[in-house]
Amino acid sequence: MYKIKFTNKQNHLSEIFQNKAILFSFAAKENDDTFVTLGKPAKCRDFMNDVIYINKHHTEISKTNIYGFNYNYNVNPHMDDKNSIYYIDFKNNREFQNFTQQVDRLQTIEKELGLQQCEILKTENPFDIILIADKIWTEKILLNNIYTYLIKCLSYTITNKTNSLLQDIENTLVGCGQTVENVYFDIIGINTLNYFLNNIRTINNHQSQYCDGNDNKRNIDSIHNNTGMCAYKSKYTPPNKLFDYLKEKEKSWQADAKHVIQF
């Protein structure tokens, strides 16, 4: 069992409504049996955008205080440089069990993509885990947003067991009503999610100066609100070099889809 140390025990965070109270944070290994969180664990995964951006570009922007969330690169622990390390608190046994019993489906996707398959480390807290995954998921903000969305979806009871995890997720979410995850799935769509997963290396290798996909520095407010999957589909998203490139490439996706992996 691993111990968790929490940094930045801050005041209440201003977060949009979430159907699930699952908390996410990046974590760093402090010693052989202890991990430390990089900031206050949050339901809103957009706070992770801010931490990635600061860690990648700390010589230009080293701290943030947004919606009650504080992170200071010069004070707090830093992101691991070899793995993507997450602290996740599922808050209750049902969601904890759902994820731990269904994580093999995420590992199947990772295997298909030729990535390091994620590893789960149990902690002293009953519904908390440390998840260690391939470094690629935290190289670009968009990739982290995709990966943590899949993690959250796997906390639902996936009722169908076909060869398509995304189709099973879609079928499961439809039966759950207007959950946040269902709304997100409707916005993004199964074709775009498949497109993203088949092109994670294209996303990772995209030549942009900043990890949000741009060549110009943006403020944390914009990073927080406009760099995830839903921002990719929104007509109100500020110009984004990576998004523009992916949208152009996606135009041929339907024609090419039969030649790619259907996750």
C-alpha atoms as a PDB file:
ATOM      1  CA  MET A   1       0.000   0.000   0.000  1.00  0.00           C
ATOM      2  CA  TYR A   2       1.309   3.430  -0.928  1.00  0.00           C
ATOM      3  CA  LYS A   3       0.910   6.598   1.095  1.00  0.00           C
ATOM      4  CA  ILE A   4      -0.405   9.835  -0.374  1.00  0.00           C
ATOM      5  CA  LYS A   5       0.748  13.277   0.736  1.00  0.00           C
ATOM      6  CA  PHE A   6      -1.451  16.193  -0.265  1.00  0.00           C
ATOM      7  CA  THR A   7      -0.008  19.555  -1.221  1.00  0.00           C
ATOM      8  CA  ASN A   8      -1.874  22.844  -1.405  1.00  0.00           C
ATOM      9  CA  LYS A   9      -4.730  22.220   0.996  1.00  0.00           C
ATOM     10  CA  GLN A  10      -6.572  25.173  -0.416  1.00  0.00           C
ATOM     11  CA  ASN A  11      -9.990  26.683  -0.049  1.00  0.00           C
ATOM     12  CA  HIS A  12     -13.004  25.552  -2.051  1.00  0.00           C
ATOM     13  CA  LEU A  13     -12.443  25.299  -5.805  1.00  0.00           C
ATOM     14  CA  SER A  14     -14.916  26.905  -8.191  1.00  0.00           C
ATOM     15  CA  GLU A  15     -15.824  23.993 -10.455  1.00  0.00           C
ATOM     16  CA  ILE A  16     -18.583  23.317 -12.965  1.00  0.00           C
ATOM     17  CA  PHE A  17     -21.128  20.675 -11.979  1.00  0.00           C
ATOM     18  CA  GLN A  18     -19.955  17.077 -12.274  1.00  0.00           C
ATOM     19  CA  ASN A  19     -22.206  14.034 -11.942  1.00  0.00           C
ATOM     20  CA  LYS A  20     -19.321  12.117 -10.491  1.00  0.00           C
ATOM     21  CA  ALA A  21     -17.235  13.462  -7.632  1.00  0.00           C
ATOM     22  CA  ILE A  22     -14.064  11.705  -8.820  1.00  0.00           C
ATOM     23  CA  LEU A  23     -10.971  13.761  -8.032  1.00  0.00           C
ATOM     24  CA  PHE A  24      -7.926  13.968 -10.307  1.00  0.00           C
ATOM     25  CA  SER A  25      -4.418  15.272  -9.747  1.00  0.00           C
ATOM     26  CA  PHE A  26      -0.970  14.627 -11.100  1.00  0.00           C
ATOM     27  CA  ALA A  27       1.356  12.966  -8.620  1.00  0.00           C
ATOM     28  CA  ALA A  28       5.079  12.558  -8.104  1.00  0.00           C
ATOM     29  CA  LYS A  29       6.972   9.817  -6.319  1.00  0.00           C
ATOM     30  CA  GLU A  30       8.537  11.171  -3.134  1.00  0.00           C
ATOM     31  CA  ASN A  31      10.166   7.922  -1.965  1.00  0.00           C
ATOM     32  CA  ASP A  32       9.710   4.159  -2.231  1.00  0.00           C
ATOM     33  CA  ASP A  33       6.324   4.121  -0.521  1.00  0.00           C
ATOM     34  CA  THR A  34       4.967   7.673  -0.844  1.00  0.00           C
ATOM     35  CA  PHE A  35       3.491   9.783  -3.632  1.00  0.00           C
ATOM     36  CA  VAL A  36       2.678  13.472  -3.373  1.00  0.00           C
ATOM     37  CA  THR A  37       0.001  15.351  -5.302  1.00  0.00           C
ATOM     38  CA  LEU A  38       1.059  18.307  -7.433  1.00  0.00           C
ATOM     39  CA  GLY A  39      -1.970  20.387  -6.518  1.00  0.00           C
ATOM     40  CA  LYS A  40      -5.320  20.049  -4.879  1.00  0.00           C
ATOM     41  CA  PRO A  41      -7.202  17.096  -6.437  1.00  0.00           C
ATOM     42  CA  ALA A  42     -10.180  18.387  -8.403  1.00  0.00           C
ATOM     43  CA  LYS A  43     -13.351  17.163 -10.093  1.00  0.00           C
ATOM     44  CA  CYS A  44     -12.710  19.557 -12.972  1.00  0.00           C
ATOM     45  CA  ARG A  45      -9.945  18.093 -15.140  1.00  0.00           C
ATOM     46  CA  ASP A  46      -9.228  21.508 -16.679  1.00  0.00           C
ATOM     47  CA  PHE A  47      -6.993  22.261 -13.684  1.00  0.00           C
ATOM     48  CA  MET A  48      -4.691  19.604 -15.114  1.00  0.00           C
ATOM     49  CA  ASN A  49      -4.331  21.754 -18.257  1.00  0.00           C
ATOM     50  CA  ASP A  50      -2.811  24.491 -16.126  1.00  0.00           C
ATOM     51  CA  VAL A  51      -0.333  22.185 -14.387  1.00  0.00           C
ATOM     52  CA  ILE A  52       0.863  20.675 -17.685  1.00  0.00           C
ATOM     53  CA  TYR A  53       1.290  24.106 -19.264  1.00  0.00           C
ATOM     54  CA  ILE A  54       3.311  25.428 -16.334  1.00  0.00           C
ATOM     55  CA  ASN A  55       5.506  22.332 -16.140  1.00  0.00           C
ATOM     56  CA  LYS A  56       6.261  22.480 -19.862  1.00  0.00           C
ATOM     57  CA  HIS A  57       6.870  26.238 -19.935  1.00  0.00           C
ATOM     58  CA  HIS A  58       7.890  27.158 -16.393  1.00  0.00           C
ATOM     59  CA  THR A  59      10.549  29.633 -17.518  1.00  0.00           C
ATOM     60  CA  GLU A  60       7.752  31.752 -18.989  1.00  0.00           C
ATOM     61  CA  ILE A  61       4.892  31.070 -16.569  1.00  0.00           C
ATOM     62  CA  SER A  62       5.641  29.439 -13.232  1.00  0.00           C
ATOM     63  CA  LYS A  63       2.447  29.683 -11.177  1.00  0.00           C
ATOM     64  CA  THR A  64      -1.296  30.045 -11.283  1.00  0.00           C
ATOM     65  CA  ASN A  65      -4.176  30.989  -9.036  1.00  0.00           C
ATOM     66  CA  ILE A  66      -7.372  30.247 -10.931  1.00  0.00           C
ATOM     67  CA  TYR A  67     -10.838  29.429  -9.546  1.00  0.00           C
ATOM     68  CA  GLY A  68      -9.224  28.800  -6.145  1.00  0.00           C
ATOM     69  CA  PHE A  69      -6.594  26.422  -7.541  1.00  0.00           C
ATOM     70  CA  ASN A  70      -2.943  27.246  -6.827  1.00  0.00           C
ATOM     71  CA  TYR A  71       0.146  25.713  -8.356  1.00  0.00           C
ATOM     72  CA  ASN A  72       3.672  27.110  -8.131  1.00  0.00           C
ATOM     73  CA  TYR A  73       6.418  25.329 -10.060  1.00  0.00           C
ATOM     74  CA  ASN A  74       9.077  26.776  -7.766  1.00  0.00           C
ATOM     75  CA  VAL A  75       7.355  25.449  -4.629  1.00  0.00           C
ATOM     76  CA  ASN A  76       5.270  22.404  -5.543  1.00  0.00           C
ATOM     77  CA  PRO A  77       6.490  19.037  -6.868  1.00  0.00           C
ATOM     78  CA  HIS A  78       7.035  18.692 -10.607  1.00  0.00           C
ATOM     79  CA  MET A  79       5.542  16.278 -13.113  1.00  0.00           C
ATOM     80  CA  ASP A  80       7.474  13.072 -13.697  1.00  0.00           C
ATOM     81  CA  ASP A  81       9.666  13.235 -16.797  1.00  0.00           C
ATOM     82  CA  LYS A  82       9.381   9.521 -17.713  1.00  0.00           C
ATOM     83  CA  ASN A  83       5.761   8.584 -16.986  1.00  0.00           C
ATOM     84  CA  SER A  84       2.317  10.104 -16.689  1.00  0.00           C
ATOM     85  CA  ILE A  85       1.485   9.690 -13.000  1.00  0.00           C
ATOM     86  CA  TYR A  86      -2.055  10.322 -11.780  1.00  0.00           C
ATOM     87  CA  TYR A  87      -3.668  10.392  -8.365  1.00  0.00           C
ATOM     88  CA  ILE A  88      -7.372   9.469  -8.631  1.00  0.00           C
ATOM     89  CA  ASP A  89      -9.918   9.383  -5.813  1.00  0.00           C
ATOM     90  CA  PHE A  90     -13.076   7.551  -6.935  1.00  0.00           C
ATOM     91  CA  LYS A  91     -14.910   8.557  -3.739  1.00  0.00           C
ATOM     92  CA  ASN A  92     -17.004   5.409  -3.441  1.00  0.00           C
ATOM     93  CA  ASN A  93     -16.645   1.673  -3.802  1.00  0.00           C
ATOM     94  CA  ARG A  94     -18.906   1.255  -6.823  1.00  0.00           C
ATOM     95  CA  GLU A  95     -16.923   3.602  -9.061  1.00  0.00           C
ATOM     96  CA  PHE A  96     -13.628   2.324  -7.672  1.00  0.00           C
ATOM     97  CA  GLN A  97     -14.619  -1.277  -8.427  1.00  0.00           C
ATOM     98  CA  ASN A  98     -15.984  -0.388 -11.862  1.00  0.00           C
ATOM     99  CA  PHE A  99     -12.711   1.165 -12.903  1.00  0.00           C
ATOM    100  CA  THR A 100     -10.364  -1.407 -11.404  1.00  0.00           C
ATOM    101  CA  GLN A 101     -12.392  -4.259 -12.919  1.00  0.00           C
ATOM    102  CA  GLN A 102     -12.645  -2.602 -16.343  1.00  0.00           C
ATOM    103  CA  VAL A 103      -9.198  -1.002 -16.665  1.00  0.00           C
ATOM    104  CA  ASP A 104      -8.088  -3.931 -18.833  1.00  0.00           C
ATOM    105  CA  ARG A 105     -10.105  -2.346 -21.643  1.00  0.00           C
ATOM    106  CA  LEU A 106      -8.009   0.803 -21.376  1.00  0.00           C
ATOM    107  CA  GLN A 107      -4.880  -1.340 -21.338  1.00  0.00           C
ATOM    108  CA  THR A 108      -6.079  -3.041 -24.531  1.00  0.00           C
ATOM    109  CA  ILE A 109      -6.226   0.343 -26.266  1.00  0.00           C
ATOM    110  CA  GLU A 110      -2.746   1.172 -24.974  1.00  0.00           C
ATOM    111  CA  LYS A 111      -1.438  -2.168 -26.242  1.00  0.00           C
ATOM    112  CA  GLU A 112      -3.023  -1.606 -29.667  1.00  0.00           C
ATOM    113  CA  LEU A 113      -1.328   1.790 -29.814  1.00  0.00           C
ATOM    114  CA  GLY A 114       2.053   0.328 -28.859  1.00  0.00           C
ATOM    115  CA  LEU A 115       2.143   2.238 -25.578  1.00  0.00           C
ATOM    116  CA  GLN A 116       3.188   1.349 -22.058  1.00  0.00           C
ATOM    117  CA  GLN A 117       0.119  -0.213 -20.436  1.00  0.00           C
ATOM    118  CA  CYS A 118      -1.036   1.624 -17.344  1.00  0.00           C
ATOM    119  CA  GLU A 119      -0.310   0.238 -13.897  1.00  0.00           C
ATOM    120  CA  ILE A 120      -2.529   0.690 -10.841  1.00  0.00           C
ATOM    121  CA  LEU A 121      -0.994   1.104  -7.394  1.00  0.00           C
ATOM    122  CA  LYS A 122      -3.273   0.779  -4.393  1.00  0.00           C
ATOM    123  CA  THR A 123      -3.019   3.291  -1.571  1.00  0.00           C
ATOM    124  CA  GLU A 124      -3.866   3.373   2.129  1.00  0.00           C
ATOM    125  CA  ASN A 125      -7.065   5.253   1.270  1.00  0.00           C
ATOM    126  CA  PRO A 126      -9.881   2.843   0.310  1.00  0.00           C
ATOM    127  CA  PHE A 127     -10.993   4.333  -3.026  1.00  0.00           C
ATOM    128  CA  ASP A 128      -7.792   6.089  -4.137  1.00  0.00           C
ATOM    129  CA  ILE A 129      -5.221   4.876  -6.635  1.00  0.00           C
ATOM    130  CA  ILE A 130      -2.000   5.947  -8.243  1.00  0.00           C
ATOM    131  CA  LEU A 131      -2.110   5.253 -11.972  1.00  0.00           C
ATOM    132  CA  ILE A 132       1.163   5.185 -13.902  1.00  0.00           C
ATOM    133  CA  ALA A 133       0.776   5.451 -17.668  1.00  0.00           C
ATOM    134  CA  ASP A 134       2.784   6.179 -20.796  1.00  0.00           C
ATOM    135  CA  LYS A 135       4.427   9.595 -20.891  1.00  0.00           C
ATOM    136  CA  ILE A 136       2.703  10.466 -24.179  1.00  0.00           C
ATOM    137  CA  TRP A 137      -0.576  11.230 -22.392  1.00  0.00           C
ATOM    138  CA  THR A 138       0.900  14.299 -20.706  1.00  0.00           C
ATOM    139  CA  GLU A 139       2.966  15.599 -23.613  1.00  0.00           C
ATOM    140  CA  LYS A 140       0.061  17.604 -25.031  1.00  0.00           C
ATOM    141  CA  ILE A 141      -2.890  18.993 -23.073  1.00  0.00           C
ATOM    142  CA  LEU A 142      -5.380  17.517 -25.544  1.00  0.00           C
ATOM    143  CA  LEU A 143      -3.978  14.009 -25.042  1.00  0.00           C
ATOM    144  CA  ASN A 144      -4.331  14.233 -21.257  1.00  0.00           C
ATOM    145  CA  ASN A 145      -7.914  15.411 -21.653  1.00  0.00           C
ATOM    146  CA  ILE A 146      -8.740  12.410 -23.865  1.00  0.00           C
ATOM    147  CA  TYR A 147      -7.050   9.920 -21.534  1.00  0.00           C
ATOM    148  CA  THR A 148      -8.615  11.152 -18.308  1.00  0.00           C
ATOM    149  CA  TYR A 149     -12.025  11.239 -20.008  1.00  0.00           C
ATOM    150  CA  LEU A 150     -11.690   7.522 -20.795  1.00  0.00           C
ATOM    151  CA  ILE A 151     -10.678   6.859 -17.187  1.00  0.00           C
ATOM    152  CA  LYS A 152     -13.770   8.663 -15.966  1.00  0.00           C
ATOM    153  CA  CYS A 153     -16.031   6.771 -18.375  1.00  0.00           C
ATOM    154  CA  LEU A 154     -14.672   3.473 -17.069  1.00  0.00           C
ATOM    155  CA  SER A 155     -15.995   4.349 -13.616  1.00  0.00           C
ATOM    156  CA  TYR A 156     -19.470   3.678 -15.042  1.00  0.00           C
ATOM    157  CA  THR A 157     -20.781   0.121 -15.180  1.00  0.00           C
ATOM    158  CA  ILE A 158     -20.131  -0.763 -18.820  1.00  0.00           C
ATOM    159  CA  THR A 159     -23.007  -3.081 -19.626  1.00  0.00           C
ATOM    160  CA  ASN A 160     -22.066  -4.143 -23.148  1.00  0.00           C
ATOM    161  CA  LYS A 161     -18.914  -6.121 -23.818  1.00  0.00           C
ATOM    162  CA  THR A 162     -18.156  -5.851 -27.519  1.00  0.00           C
ATOM    163  CA  ASN A 163     -14.867  -5.328 -29.303  1.00  0.00           C
ATOM    164  CA  SER A 164     -15.536  -1.578 -29.367  1.00  0.00           C
ATOM    165  CA  LEU A 165     -14.979   0.146 -26.037  1.00  0.00           C
ATOM    166  CA  LEU A 166     -16.128   3.499 -27.414  1.00  0.00           C
ATOM    167  CA  GLN A 167     -19.385   1.985 -28.679  1.00  0.00           C
ATOM    168  CA  ASP A 168     -19.926   0.302 -25.304  1.00  0.00           C
ATOM    169  CA  ILE A 169     -19.271   3.593 -23.523  1.00  0.00           C
ATOM    170  CA  GLU A 170     -21.717   5.389 -25.797  1.00  0.00           C
ATOM    171  CA  ASN A 171     -24.418   2.769 -25.178  1.00  0.00           C
ATOM    172  CA  THR A 172     -23.813   2.908 -21.425  1.00  0.00           C
ATOM    173  CA  LEU A 173     -23.915   6.702 -21.226  1.00  0.00           C
ATOM    174  CA  VAL A 174     -27.141   6.912 -23.221  1.00  0.00           C
ATOM    175  CA  GLY A 175     -28.786   4.880 -20.481  1.00  0.00           C
ATOM    176  CA  CYS A 176     -27.500   7.270 -17.812  1.00  0.00           C
ATOM    177  CA  GLY A 177     -29.342  10.344 -19.065  1.00  0.00           C
ATOM    178  CA  GLN A 178     -27.829  13.820 -19.311  1.00  0.00           C
ATOM    179  CA  THR A 179     -24.630  13.155 -17.395  1.00  0.00           C
ATOM    180  CA  VAL A 180     -21.642  15.377 -18.053  1.00  0.00           C
ATOM    181  CA  GLU A 181     -19.805  12.470 -19.675  1.00  0.00           C
ATOM    182  CA  ASN A 182     -22.781  11.800 -21.961  1.00  0.00           C
ATOM    183  CA  VAL A 183     -22.943  15.475 -22.986  1.00  0.00           C
ATOM    184  CA  TYR A 184     -19.213  15.405 -23.749  1.00  0.00           C
ATOM    185  CA  PHE A 185     -19.620  12.234 -25.808  1.00  0.00           C
ATOM    186  CA  ASP A 186     -22.412  13.853 -27.827  1.00  0.00           C
ATOM    187  CA  ILE A 187     -20.249  16.917 -28.460  1.00  0.00           C
ATOM    188  CA  ILE A 188     -17.172  14.983 -29.545  1.00  0.00           C
ATOM    189  CA  GLY A 189     -18.751  11.953 -31.215  1.00  0.00           C
ATOM    190  CA  ILE A 190     -17.445   8.430 -31.574  1.00  0.00           C
ATOM    191  CA  ASN A 191     -15.782   9.119 -34.943  1.00  0.00           C
ATOM    192  CA  THR A 192     -13.687  11.976 -33.573  1.00  0.00           C
ATOM    193  CA  LEU A 193     -12.724   9.958 -30.487  1.00  0.00           C
ATOM    194  CA  ASN A 194     -11.572   7.143 -32.761  1.00  0.00           C
ATOM    195  CA  TYR A 195      -9.741   9.698 -34.878  1.00  0.00           C
ATOM    196  CA  PHE A 196      -7.957  11.124 -31.832  1.00  0.00           C
ATOM    197  CA  LEU A 197      -6.873   7.716 -30.561  1.00  0.00           C
ATOM    198  CA  ASN A 198      -5.591   6.588 -33.957  1.00  0.00           C
ATOM    199  CA  ASN A 199      -3.616   9.821 -34.226  1.00  0.00           C
ATOM    200  CA  ILE A 200      -2.131  10.273 -30.769  1.00  0.00           C
ATOM    201  CA  ARG A 201       1.385  10.321 -32.221  1.00  0.00           C
ATOM    202  CA  THR A 202       0.323  12.863 -34.819  1.00  0.00           C
ATOM    203  CA  ILE A 203      -0.982  15.027 -31.970  1.00  0.00           C
ATOM    204  CA  ASN A 204       2.130  14.459 -29.883  1.00  0.00           C
ATOM    205  CA  ASN A 205       4.544  15.157 -32.749  1.00  0.00           C
ATOM    206  CA  HIS A 206       2.763  18.277 -33.956  1.00  0.00           C
ATOM    207  CA  GLN A 207       5.289  21.077 -34.274  1.00  0.00           C
ATOM    208  CA  SER A 208       4.129  23.840 -31.979  1.00  0.00           C
ATOM    209  CA  GLN A 209       6.100  25.817 -29.452  1.00  0.00           C
ATOM    210  CA  TYR A 210       3.589  25.312 -26.662  1.00  0.00           C
ATOM    211  CA  CYS A 211       1.868  22.164 -25.405  1.00  0.00           C
ATOM    212  CA  ASP A 212      -1.610  23.593 -26.068  1.00  0.00           C
ATOM    213  CA  GLY A 213      -0.795  23.437 -29.797  1.00  0.00           C
ATOM    214  CA  ASN A 214       0.102  27.076 -30.438  1.00  0.00           C
ATOM    215  CA  ASP A 215       3.253  29.026 -31.211  1.00  0.00           C
ATOM    216  CA  ASN A 216       2.194  31.979 -29.079  1.00  0.00           C
ATOM    217  CA  LYS A 217       2.014  32.080 -25.298  1.00  0.00           C
ATOM    218  CA  ARG A 218      -1.498  32.195 -23.847  1.00  0.00           C
ATOM    219  CA  ASN A 219      -2.697  33.127 -20.384  1.00  0.00           C
ATOM    220  CA  ILE A 220      -3.838  30.475 -17.924  1.00  0.00           C
ATOM    221  CA  ASP A 221      -7.507  31.454 -18.236  1.00  0.00           C
ATOM    222  CA  SER A 222      -7.420  30.556 -21.931  1.00  0.00           C
ATOM    223  CA  ILE A 223      -5.408  27.382 -21.300  1.00  0.00           C
ATOM    224  CA  HIS A 224      -7.875  26.293 -18.631  1.00  0.00           C
ATOM    225  CA  ASN A 225     -11.001  26.870 -20.690  1.00  0.00           C
ATOM    226  CA  ASN A 226     -10.012  26.278 -24.308  1.00  0.00           C
ATOM    227  CA  THR A 227      -7.636  23.337 -24.760  1.00  0.00           C
ATOM    228  CA  GLY A 228      -9.658  20.161 -24.167  1.00  0.00           C
ATOM    229  CA  MET A 229     -11.763  17.901 -26.388  1.00  0.00           C
ATOM    230  CA  CYS A 230     -14.878  20.059 -26.207  1.00  0.00           C
ATOM    231  CA  ALA A 231     -12.866  23.131 -27.152  1.00  0.00           C
ATOM    232  CA  TYR A 232     -11.807  21.284 -30.321  1.00  0.00           C
ATOM    233  CA  LYS A 233     -15.457  21.200 -31.383  1.00  0.00           C
ATOM    234  CA  SER A 234     -16.463  24.674 -30.166  1.00  0.00           C
ATOM    235  CA  LYS A 235     -16.813  27.557 -32.623  1.00  0.00           C
ATOM    236  CA  TYR A 236     -15.858  29.936 -29.793  1.00  0.00           C
ATOM    237  CA  THR A 237     -12.388  28.472 -29.215  1.00  0.00           C
ATOM    238  CA  PRO A 238      -9.550  30.956 -29.878  1.00  0.00           C
ATOM    239  CA  PRO A 239      -7.250  30.108 -32.815  1.00  0.00           C
ATOM    240  CA  ASN A 240      -5.275  26.938 -32.165  1.00  0.00           C
ATOM    241  CA  LYS A 241      -2.640  25.717 -34.620  1.00  0.00           C
ATOM    242  CA  LEU A 242      -2.943  22.067 -33.526  1.00  0.00           C
ATOM    243  CA  PHE A 243      -6.748  22.109 -33.670  1.00  0.00           C
ATOM    244  CA  ASP A 244      -6.720  23.664 -37.139  1.00  0.00           C
ATOM    245  CA  TYR A 245      -4.302  21.015 -38.362  1.00  0.00           C
ATOM    246  CA  LEU A 246      -6.369  18.164 -36.879  1.00  0.00           C
ATOM    247  CA  LYS A 247      -9.648  19.524 -38.256  1.00  0.00           C
ATOM    248  CA  GLU A 248      -8.201  19.655 -41.756  1.00  0.00           C
ATOM    249  CA  LYS A 249      -6.809  16.134 -41.433  1.00  0.00           C
ATOM    250  CA  GLU A 250     -10.113  14.839 -40.015  1.00  0.00           C
ATOM    251  CA  LYS A 251     -11.962  15.822 -43.203  1.00  0.00           C
ATOM    252  CA  SER A 252     -10.635  12.659 -44.840  1.00  0.00           C
ATOM    253  CA  TRP A 253     -11.315  10.528 -41.773  1.00  0.00           C
ATOM    254  CA  GLN A 254     -14.531   8.914 -43.021  1.00  0.00           C
ATOM    255  CA  ALA A 255     -12.832   7.769 -46.205  1.00  0.00           C
ATOM    256  CA  ASP A 256      -9.837   6.458 -44.269  1.00  0.00           C
ATOM    257  CA  ALA A 257     -11.722   4.973 -41.314  1.00  0.00           C
ATOM    258  CA  LYS A 258     -11.930   1.445 -42.720  1.00  0.00           C
ATOM    259  CA  HIS A 259      -8.133   1.275 -42.725  1.00  0.00           C
ATOM    260  CA  VAL A 260      -7.658   2.129 -39.051  1.00  0.00           C
ATOM    261  CA  ILE A 261      -8.297   0.648 -35.618  1.00  0.00           C
ATOM    262  CA  GLN A 262     -11.901   0.952 -34.428  1.00  0.00           C
ATOM    263  CA  PHE A 263     -11.520   1.307 -30.678  1.00  0.00           C
END
